[in-house]
């Protein structure tokens, strides 16, 4: 009887581990690849910004609201406050490609403050804000190579293009 219990426990635990291994394999297979990211990015740009060419880095920059007349351009060394909302691109059978999961936002009262060029934010932000003027708003479409590339970061899967809607206010040091 005792041997029968040991055999049962051995079978139970080996089945459990086999199940876990399948889950791990399935997760790794379902992670997006760089090629899948590029396909989804191309569909997104074609749908929402046809004809828009990326900057040489791969960043897509779209000014959505011009700065007030006479506003200063943002440049390396400036201290800025950025109000933002960040999305992952997704695709569904009903809506097609669109802004999907809102993984982060600053709200109305909590901007991200940083010195442009100091390396405190992802490269896509570092570059994108330099195309802006004080008080302007823009949409930044940032391929993973200018963000977290093949690394998982919080709720952002590897090889994810990020879409940010940003408003920038220049601060004084």
Protein backbone atom coordinates (compact mmCIF):
# COMPACT_ATOMS: atom_id res chain seq x y z
CA UNK A 1 0.00 0.00 0.00
CA UNK A 2 2.82 2.40 0.88
CA UNK A 3 4.58 1.68 -2.43
CA UNK A 4 1.34 2.36 -4.30
CA UNK A 5 1.06 5.77 -2.60
CA UNK A 6 4.67 6.61 -3.54
CA UNK A 7 4.06 5.63 -7.17
CA UNK A 8 0.88 7.75 -7.22
CA UNK A 9 2.74 10.77 -5.77
CA UNK A 10 5.58 10.36 -8.26
CA UNK A 11 3.12 10.26 -11.17
CA UNK A 12 1.18 13.24 -9.77
CA UNK A 13 4.26 15.43 -9.40
CA UNK A 14 5.77 14.45 -12.75
CA UNK A 15 2.47 15.29 -14.47
CA UNK A 16 2.46 18.65 -12.69
CA UNK A 17 6.00 19.45 -13.81
CA UNK A 18 5.23 18.37 -17.37
CA UNK A 19 2.23 20.70 -17.33
CA UNK A 20 4.41 23.56 -16.10
CA UNK A 21 6.97 22.90 -18.81
CA UNK A 22 4.30 23.09 -21.49
CA UNK A 23 3.10 26.40 -20.11
CA UNK A 24 6.63 27.82 -20.13
CA UNK A 25 7.15 26.60 -23.71
CA UNK A 26 3.84 28.10 -24.80
CA UNK A 27 4.71 31.45 -23.25
CA UNK A 28 8.04 31.62 -25.03
CA UNK A 29 6.43 30.65 -28.35
CA UNK A 30 3.72 33.33 -27.95
CA UNK A 31 6.11 36.19 -27.23
CA UNK A 32 6.25 38.61 -30.15
CA UNK A 33 9.28 38.55 -32.39
CA UNK A 34 11.04 41.51 -33.95
CA UNK A 35 9.57 40.56 -37.35
CA UNK A 36 6.04 40.48 -35.90
CA UNK A 37 6.64 43.89 -34.32
CA UNK A 38 7.70 45.38 -37.68
CA UNK A 39 4.64 43.93 -39.42
CA UNK A 40 2.28 45.36 -36.80
CA UNK A 41 4.08 48.73 -36.87
CA UNK A 42 3.77 48.92 -40.68
CA UNK A 43 0.02 48.18 -40.46
CA UNK A 44 -0.43 50.81 -37.75
CA UNK A 45 1.38 53.55 -39.67
CA UNK A 46 -0.43 52.66 -42.91
CA UNK A 47 -3.82 52.87 -41.17
CA UNK A 48 -3.35 56.06 -39.13
CA UNK A 49 -0.54 57.96 -40.89
CA UNK A 50 -0.31 56.80 -44.52
CA UNK A 51 2.75 58.13 -46.29
CA UNK A 52 4.51 59.12 -43.06
CA UNK A 53 8.20 58.25 -43.18
CA UNK A 54 10.19 57.50 -40.05
CA UNK A 55 13.17 59.56 -38.94
CA UNK A 56 16.54 57.94 -39.69
CA UNK A 57 16.46 56.28 -36.25
CA UNK A 58 13.09 54.63 -36.94
CA UNK A 59 11.07 57.02 -34.74
CA UNK A 60 7.80 58.36 -36.13
CA UNK A 61 7.02 61.91 -35.01
CA UNK A 62 3.64 63.58 -35.55
CA UNK A 63 2.99 67.08 -34.20
CA UNK A 64 -0.62 67.12 -33.00
CA UNK A 65 -0.75 70.66 -31.60
CA UNK A 66 1.62 73.46 -32.49
CA UNK A 67 3.31 75.46 -29.78
CA UNK A 68 2.25 79.06 -29.14
CA UNK A 69 3.92 81.57 -31.43
CA UNK A 70 7.47 82.43 -30.37
CA UNK A 71 7.95 79.30 -28.22
CA UNK A 72 11.45 77.97 -27.70
CA UNK A 73 12.55 74.76 -29.35
CA UNK A 74 13.46 71.94 -26.98
CA UNK A 75 17.16 71.08 -27.08
CA UNK A 76 19.71 68.93 -25.29
CA UNK A 77 20.34 70.29 -21.79
CA UNK A 78 16.80 71.67 -21.30
CA UNK A 79 14.81 70.60 -18.25
CA UNK A 80 11.35 69.53 -19.42
CA UNK A 81 8.08 68.31 -17.95
CA UNK A 82 6.29 65.80 -20.15
CA UNK A 83 2.65 64.88 -19.67
CA UNK A 84 2.00 61.62 -21.48
CA UNK A 85 -0.14 58.61 -22.14
CA UNK A 86 1.54 55.44 -23.42
CA UNK A 87 -0.08 52.65 -25.41
CA UNK A 88 0.89 49.31 -26.91
CA UNK A 89 -0.23 48.67 -30.48
CA UNK A 90 -2.67 45.79 -30.76
CA UNK A 91 -4.65 44.09 -33.49
CA UNK A 92 -8.09 42.55 -33.32
CA UNK A 93 -10.31 40.84 -35.84
CA UNK A 94 -13.05 43.46 -35.38
CA UNK A 95 -11.12 46.73 -35.06
CA UNK A 96 -7.93 45.90 -36.89
CA UNK A 97 -4.76 47.55 -35.70
CA UNK A 98 -5.15 50.27 -33.06
CA UNK A 99 -3.86 51.82 -29.85
CA UNK A 100 -4.35 48.99 -27.44
CA UNK A 101 -3.39 48.64 -23.82
CA UNK A 102 -2.70 51.95 -21.99
CA UNK A 103 0.31 50.80 -19.99
CA UNK A 104 1.09 54.14 -18.33
CA UNK A 105 0.15 57.82 -18.14
CA UNK A 106 1.11 60.87 -16.17
CA UNK A 107 -2.39 62.13 -15.56
CA UNK A 108 -2.93 65.87 -15.44
CA UNK A 109 -0.73 66.59 -12.42
CA UNK A 110 2.30 64.31 -12.52
CA UNK A 111 4.55 64.91 -15.51
CA UNK A 112 7.88 63.19 -15.98
CA UNK A 113 10.67 65.72 -15.48
CA UNK A 114 14.10 65.17 -17.00
CA UNK A 115 17.04 66.92 -18.58
CA UNK A 116 17.06 66.23 -22.32
CA UNK A 117 20.17 64.25 -23.28
CA UNK A 118 20.95 63.02 -19.76
CA UNK A 119 19.91 59.43 -20.57
CA UNK A 120 17.12 59.18 -17.97
CA UNK A 121 14.42 58.20 -20.45
CA UNK A 122 14.22 55.81 -23.39
CA UNK A 123 16.06 56.87 -26.58
CA UNK A 124 12.76 57.38 -28.44
CA UNK A 125 11.74 60.05 -25.93
CA UNK A 126 15.20 61.65 -25.94
CA UNK A 127 14.97 62.09 -29.71
CA UNK A 128 11.26 62.83 -29.96
CA UNK A 129 11.21 65.79 -27.58
CA UNK A 130 13.97 67.52 -29.57
CA UNK A 131 11.49 67.90 -32.47
CA UNK A 132 9.10 69.79 -30.17
CA UNK A 133 8.67 73.35 -28.94
CA UNK A 134 7.63 74.51 -25.50
CA UNK A 135 3.88 73.97 -25.11
CA UNK A 136 3.47 71.72 -28.14
CA UNK A 137 1.87 68.28 -28.30
CA UNK A 138 2.90 65.29 -30.36
CA UNK A 139 2.45 61.62 -31.02
CA UNK A 140 5.61 59.51 -30.84
CA UNK A 141 5.58 56.05 -32.39
CA UNK A 142 8.63 54.37 -30.93
CA UNK A 143 9.87 50.99 -32.22
CA UNK A 144 11.28 48.67 -29.58
CA UNK A 145 14.86 49.32 -30.72
CA UNK A 146 14.41 52.85 -29.32
CA UNK A 147 12.76 51.61 -26.11
CA UNK A 148 13.22 48.22 -24.42
CA UNK A 149 13.98 46.10 -27.50
CA UNK A 150 13.82 42.37 -26.66
CA UNK A 151 13.49 42.89 -22.91
CA UNK A 152 10.29 42.67 -20.89
CA UNK A 153 9.78 45.89 -18.94
CA UNK A 154 6.94 45.94 -16.43
CA UNK A 155 3.73 45.46 -18.49
CA UNK A 156 5.56 46.00 -21.79
CA UNK A 157 6.39 42.75 -23.62
CA UNK A 158 9.62 42.33 -25.60
CA UNK A 159 9.60 43.76 -29.15
CA UNK A 160 6.74 46.16 -28.50
CA UNK A 161 6.28 49.39 -30.41
CA UNK A 162 5.19 52.13 -28.01
CA UNK A 163 2.80 54.93 -28.91
CA UNK A 164 3.00 58.04 -26.72
CA UNK A 165 0.78 61.10 -26.80
CA UNK A 166 2.87 63.84 -25.17
CA UNK A 167 2.65 67.49 -24.16
CA UNK A 168 5.88 69.26 -23.24
CA UNK A 169 6.55 72.21 -20.96
CA UNK A 170 10.06 73.61 -20.69
CA UNK A 171 11.21 74.36 -17.12
CA UNK A 172 13.93 76.54 -15.75
CA UNK A 173 16.92 74.93 -14.06
